[in-house]
Amino acid sequence: MDSIAEACNNLKKEYDECFKIWFSEKFLKGDLDDSMCSHHFKLYSQCLKVFKLIIFL
């Protein structure tokens, strides 16, 4: 699924790919440390915040 902000699509895809790996290889095996994808999530979140600022200006 694409991002709500088209400019953030690549960052969302990177985060989604990381999340899928983390979920299947870590979380489902009891490893609750979610720091593996935190960098991807931070970048995607920042992109969405910029998009939100542009929309509401």
PDB file of N, CA and C in Angstrom:
ATOM      1  N   MET A   1       0.847  -1.171   0.000  1.00  0.00           N
ATOM      2  CA  MET A   1       0.000   0.000   0.000  1.00  0.00           C
ATOM      3  C   MET A   1       0.899   1.242   0.000  1.00  0.00           C
ATOM      4  N   ASP A   2       0.532   2.206  -0.808  1.00  0.00           N
ATOM      5  CA  ASP A   2       1.298   3.439  -0.881  1.00  0.00           C
ATOM      6  C   ASP A   2       1.049   4.310   0.346  1.00  0.00           C
ATOM      7  N   SER A   3       1.956   5.255   0.530  1.00  0.00           N
ATOM      8  CA  SER A   3       1.827   6.227   1.602  1.00  0.00           C
ATOM      9  C   SER A   3       0.728   7.225   1.271  1.00  0.00           C
ATOM     10  N   ILE A   4       0.200   7.859   2.285  1.00  0.00           N
ATOM     11  CA  ILE A   4      -0.775   8.926   2.076  1.00  0.00           C
ATOM     12  C   ILE A   4      -0.123  10.102   1.346  1.00  0.00           C
ATOM     13  N   ALA A   5       1.192  10.223   1.490  1.00  0.00           N
ATOM     14  CA  ALA A   5       1.967  11.268   0.812  1.00  0.00           C
ATOM     15  C   ALA A   5       2.835  10.600  -0.252  1.00  0.00           C
ATOM     16  N   GLU A   6       2.554  10.869  -1.501  1.00  0.00           N
ATOM     17  CA  GLU A   6       3.277  10.217  -2.593  1.00  0.00           C
ATOM     18  C   GLU A   6       4.788  10.409  -2.476  1.00  0.00           C
ATOM     19  N   ALA A   7       5.213  11.571  -2.004  1.00  0.00           N
ATOM     20  CA  ALA A   7       6.643  11.855  -1.865  1.00  0.00           C
ATOM     21  C   ALA A   7       7.317  10.947  -0.836  1.00  0.00           C
ATOM     22  N   CYS A   8       6.530  10.317   0.013  1.00  0.00           N
ATOM     23  CA  CYS A   8       7.070   9.457   1.073  1.00  0.00           C
ATOM     24  C   CYS A   8       6.992   7.970   0.728  1.00  0.00           C
ATOM     25  N   ASN A   9       6.568   7.632  -0.470  1.00  0.00           N
ATOM     26  CA  ASN A   9       6.367   6.229  -0.842  1.00  0.00           C
ATOM     27  C   ASN A   9       7.607   5.366  -0.646  1.00  0.00           C
ATOM     28  N   ASN A  10       8.760   5.835  -1.101  1.00  0.00           N
ATOM     29  CA  ASN A  10       9.979   5.025  -0.970  1.00  0.00           C
ATOM     30  C   ASN A  10      10.335   4.782   0.487  1.00  0.00           C
ATOM     31  N   LEU A  11      10.198   5.806   1.318  1.00  0.00           N
ATOM     32  CA  LEU A  11      10.499   5.645   2.741  1.00  0.00           C
ATOM     33  C   LEU A  11       9.521   4.671   3.395  1.00  0.00           C
ATOM     34  N   LYS A  12       8.259   4.733   3.002  1.00  0.00           N
ATOM     35  CA  LYS A  12       7.267   3.803   3.551  1.00  0.00           C
ATOM     36  C   LYS A  12       7.582   2.373   3.132  1.00  0.00           C
ATOM     37  N   LYS A  13       7.954   2.189   1.883  1.00  0.00           N
ATOM     38  CA  LYS A  13       8.283   0.843   1.402  1.00  0.00           C
ATOM     39  C   LYS A  13       9.482   0.275   2.149  1.00  0.00           C
ATOM     40  N   GLU A  14      10.497   1.116   2.392  1.00  0.00           N
ATOM     41  CA  GLU A  14      11.669   0.662   3.152  1.00  0.00           C
ATOM     42  C   GLU A  14      11.264   0.268   4.565  1.00  0.00           C
ATOM     43  N   TYR A  15      10.435   1.085   5.194  1.00  0.00           N
ATOM     44  CA  TYR A  15       9.971   0.763   6.541  1.00  0.00           C
ATOM     45  C   TYR A  15       9.132  -0.516   6.539  1.00  0.00           C
ATOM     46  N   ASP A  16       8.218  -0.633   5.597  1.00  0.00           N
ATOM     47  CA  ASP A  16       7.366  -1.825   5.512  1.00  0.00           C
ATOM     48  C   ASP A  16       8.189  -3.099   5.341  1.00  0.00           C
ATOM     49  N   GLU A  17       9.208  -3.044   4.489  1.00  0.00           N
ATOM     50  CA  GLU A  17      10.069  -4.216   4.279  1.00  0.00           C
ATOM     51  C   GLU A  17      10.794  -4.584   5.567  1.00  0.00           C
ATOM     52  N   CYS A  18      11.328  -3.582   6.249  1.00  0.00           N
ATOM     53  CA  CYS A  18      12.019  -3.829   7.514  1.00  0.00           C
ATOM     54  C   CYS A  18      11.045  -4.401   8.543  1.00  0.00           C
ATOM     55  N   PHE A  19       9.858  -3.825   8.629  1.00  0.00           N
ATOM     56  CA  PHE A  19       8.863  -4.279   9.597  1.00  0.00           C
ATOM     57  C   PHE A  19       8.480  -5.736   9.362  1.00  0.00           C
ATOM     58  N   LYS A  20       8.277  -6.109   8.114  1.00  0.00           N
ATOM     59  CA  LYS A  20       7.907  -7.497   7.801  1.00  0.00           C
ATOM     60  C   LYS A  20       8.986  -8.469   8.272  1.00  0.00           C
ATOM     61  N   ILE A  21      10.241  -8.109   8.051  1.00  0.00           N
ATOM     62  CA  ILE A  21      11.351  -8.956   8.502  1.00  0.00           C
ATOM     63  C   ILE A  21      11.376  -9.012  10.024  1.00  0.00           C
ATOM     64  N   TRP A  22      11.287  -7.843  10.667  1.00  0.00           N
ATOM     65  CA  TRP A  22      11.313  -7.796  12.127  1.00  0.00           C
ATOM     66  C   TRP A  22      10.163  -8.619  12.709  1.00  0.00           C
ATOM     67  N   PHE A  23       8.976  -8.450  12.165  1.00  0.00           N
ATOM     68  CA  PHE A  23       7.803  -9.141  12.695  1.00  0.00           C
ATOM     69  C   PHE A  23       7.957 -10.653  12.609  1.00  0.00           C
ATOM     70  N   SER A  24       8.386 -11.147  11.454  1.00  0.00           N
ATOM     71  CA  SER A  24       8.462 -12.598  11.265  1.00  0.00           C
ATOM     72  C   SER A  24       9.696 -13.222  11.904  1.00  0.00           C
ATOM     73  N   GLU A  25      10.815 -12.520  11.874  1.00  0.00           N
ATOM     74  CA  GLU A  25      12.059 -13.114  12.364  1.00  0.00           C
ATOM     75  C   GLU A  25      12.389 -12.760  13.810  1.00  0.00           C
ATOM     76  N   LYS A  26      11.793 -11.737  14.335  1.00  0.00           N
ATOM     77  CA  LYS A  26      12.098 -11.320  15.710  1.00  0.00           C
ATOM     78  C   LYS A  26      10.861 -11.423  16.608  1.00  0.00           C
ATOM     79  N   PHE A  27       9.858 -10.606  16.321  1.00  0.00           N
ATOM     80  CA  PHE A  27       8.691 -10.499  17.192  1.00  0.00           C
ATOM     81  C   PHE A  27       8.001 -11.839  17.418  1.00  0.00           C
ATOM     82  N   LEU A  28       7.737 -12.570  16.349  1.00  0.00           N
ATOM     83  CA  LEU A  28       7.036 -13.847  16.494  1.00  0.00           C
ATOM     84  C   LEU A  28       7.862 -14.897  17.228  1.00  0.00           C
ATOM     85  N   LYS A  29       9.153 -14.634  17.390  1.00  0.00           N
ATOM     86  CA  LYS A  29      10.025 -15.551  18.128  1.00  0.00           C
ATOM     87  C   LYS A  29      10.309 -15.040  19.535  1.00  0.00           C
ATOM     88  N   GLY A  30       9.572 -13.987  19.938  1.00  0.00           N
ATOM     89  CA  GLY A  30       9.678 -13.497  21.304  1.00  0.00           C
ATOM     90  C   GLY A  30      10.612 -12.324  21.511  1.00  0.00           C
ATOM     91  N   ASP A  31      11.290 -11.869  20.474  1.00  0.00           N
ATOM     92  CA  ASP A  31      12.192 -10.717  20.590  1.00  0.00           C
ATOM     93  C   ASP A  31      11.375  -9.450  20.380  1.00  0.00           C
ATOM     94  N   LEU A  32      11.130  -8.715  21.445  1.00  0.00           N
ATOM     95  CA  LEU A  32      10.275  -7.535  21.384  1.00  0.00           C
ATOM     96  C   LEU A  32      11.046  -6.245  21.116  1.00  0.00           C
ATOM     97  N   ASP A  33      12.355  -6.332  20.951  1.00  0.00           N
ATOM     98  CA  ASP A  33      13.172  -5.149  20.665  1.00  0.00           C
ATOM     99  C   ASP A  33      12.855  -4.657  19.255  1.00  0.00           C
ATOM    100  N   ASP A  34      12.204  -3.515  19.176  1.00  0.00           N
ATOM    101  CA  ASP A  34      11.781  -2.993  17.875  1.00  0.00           C
ATOM    102  C   ASP A  34      12.740  -1.951  17.299  1.00  0.00           C
ATOM    103  N   SER A  35      13.936  -1.862  17.839  1.00  0.00           N
ATOM    104  CA  SER A  35      14.892  -0.849  17.379  1.00  0.00           C
ATOM    105  C   SER A  35      15.427  -1.131  15.975  1.00  0.00           C
ATOM    106  N   MET A  36      15.265  -2.338  15.496  1.00  0.00           N
ATOM    107  CA  MET A  36      15.772  -2.722  14.181  1.00  0.00           C
ATOM    108  C   MET A  36      15.258  -1.791  13.077  1.00  0.00           C
ATOM    109  N   CYS A  37      14.029  -1.368  13.164  1.00  0.00           N
ATOM    110  CA  CYS A  37      13.410  -0.547  12.112  1.00  0.00           C
ATOM    111  C   CYS A  37      13.190   0.898  12.546  1.00  0.00           C
ATOM    112  N   SER A  38      13.699   1.266  13.700  1.00  0.00           N
ATOM    113  CA  SER A  38      13.412   2.603  14.221  1.00  0.00           C
ATOM    114  C   SER A  38      13.934   3.713  13.312  1.00  0.00           C
ATOM    115  N   HIS A  39      15.074   3.502  12.670  1.00  0.00           N
ATOM    116  CA  HIS A  39      15.621   4.518  11.764  1.00  0.00           C
ATOM    117  C   HIS A  39      14.689   4.721  10.569  1.00  0.00           C
ATOM    118  N   HIS A  40      14.209   3.627  10.001  1.00  0.00           N
ATOM    119  CA  HIS A  40      13.287   3.717   8.867  1.00  0.00           C
ATOM    120  C   HIS A  40      11.983   4.414   9.283  1.00  0.00           C
ATOM    121  N   PHE A  41      11.482   4.065  10.467  1.00  0.00           N
ATOM    122  CA  PHE A  41      10.247   4.674  10.947  1.00  0.00           C
ATOM    123  C   PHE A  41      10.424   6.170  11.168  1.00  0.00           C
ATOM    124  N   LYS A  42      11.564   6.552  11.736  1.00  0.00           N
ATOM    125  CA  LYS A  42      11.834   7.969  11.998  1.00  0.00           C
ATOM    126  C   LYS A  42      11.866   8.767  10.694  1.00  0.00           C
ATOM    127  N   LEU A  43      12.550   8.248   9.684  1.00  0.00           N
ATOM    128  CA  LEU A  43      12.623   8.945   8.397  1.00  0.00           C
ATOM    129  C   LEU A  43      11.246   9.069   7.750  1.00  0.00           C
ATOM    130  N   TYR A  44      10.484   8.007   7.782  1.00  0.00           N
ATOM    131  CA  TYR A  44       9.140   8.029   7.202  1.00  0.00           C
ATOM    132  C   TYR A  44       8.244   9.012   7.963  1.00  0.00           C
ATOM    133  N   SER A  45       8.313   8.992   9.281  1.00  0.00           N
ATOM    134  CA  SER A  45       7.509   9.906  10.098  1.00  0.00           C
ATOM    135  C   SER A  45       7.857  11.360   9.817  1.00  0.00           C
ATOM    136  N   GLN A  46       9.145  11.636   9.676  1.00  0.00           N
ATOM    137  CA  GLN A  46       9.574  13.001   9.370  1.00  0.00           C
ATOM    138  C   GLN A  46       9.040  13.445   8.015  1.00  0.00           C
ATOM    139  N   CYS A  47       9.055  12.567   7.052  1.00  0.00           N
ATOM    140  CA  CYS A  47       8.525  12.881   5.730  1.00  0.00           C
ATOM    141  C   CYS A  47       7.036  13.213   5.824  1.00  0.00           C
ATOM    142  N   LEU A  48       6.296  12.439   6.582  1.00  0.00           N
ATOM    143  CA  LEU A  48       4.864  12.700   6.738  1.00  0.00           C
ATOM    144  C   LEU A  48       4.607  14.030   7.437  1.00  0.00           C
ATOM    145  N   LYS A  49       5.443  14.369   8.402  1.00  0.00           N
ATOM    146  CA  LYS A  49       5.279  15.650   9.098  1.00  0.00           C
ATOM    147  C   LYS A  49       5.502  16.813   8.142  1.00  0.00           C
ATOM    148  N   VAL A  50       6.489  16.709   7.279  1.00  0.00           N
ATOM    149  CA  VAL A  50       6.738  17.752   6.282  1.00  0.00           C
ATOM    150  C   VAL A  50       5.542  17.850   5.343  1.00  0.00           C
ATOM    151  N   PHE A  51       5.039  16.720   4.903  1.00  0.00           N
ATOM    152  CA  PHE A  51       3.862  16.688   4.031  1.00  0.00           C
ATOM    153  C   PHE A  51       2.674  17.366   4.712  1.00  0.00           C
ATOM    154  N   LYS A  52       2.475  17.073   5.977  1.00  0.00           N
ATOM    155  CA  LYS A  52       1.371  17.664   6.737  1.00  0.00           C
ATOM    156  C   LYS A  52       1.530  19.179   6.821  1.00  0.00           C
ATOM    157  N   LEU A  53       2.744  19.657   7.048  1.00  0.00           N
ATOM    158  CA  LEU A  53       2.986  21.099   7.114  1.00  0.00           C
ATOM    159  C   LEU A  53       2.672  21.777   5.790  1.00  0.00           C
ATOM    160  N   ILE A  54       3.058  21.140   4.701  1.00  0.00           N
ATOM    161  CA  ILE A  54       2.819  21.712   3.371  1.00  0.00           C
ATOM    162  C   ILE A  54       1.319  21.782   3.085  1.00  0.00           C
ATOM    163  N   ILE A  55       0.596  20.744   3.436  1.00  0.00           N
ATOM    164  CA  ILE A  55      -0.851  20.676   3.182  1.00  0.00           C
ATOM    165  C   ILE A  55      -1.601  21.775   3.941  1.00  0.00           C
ATOM    166  N   PHE A  56      -1.189  22.026   5.182  1.00  0.00           N
ATOM    167  CA  PHE A  56      -1.937  22.949   6.036  1.00  0.00           C
ATOM    168  C   PHE A  56      -1.404  24.373   6.019  1.00  0.00           C
ATOM    169  N   LEU A  57      -0.507  24.693   5.122  1.00  0.00           N
ATOM    170  CA  LEU A  57      -0.017  26.078   5.023  1.00  0.00           C
ATOM    171  C   LEU A  57      -0.953  26.951   4.238  1.00  0.00           C
TER     172      LEU A  57
END
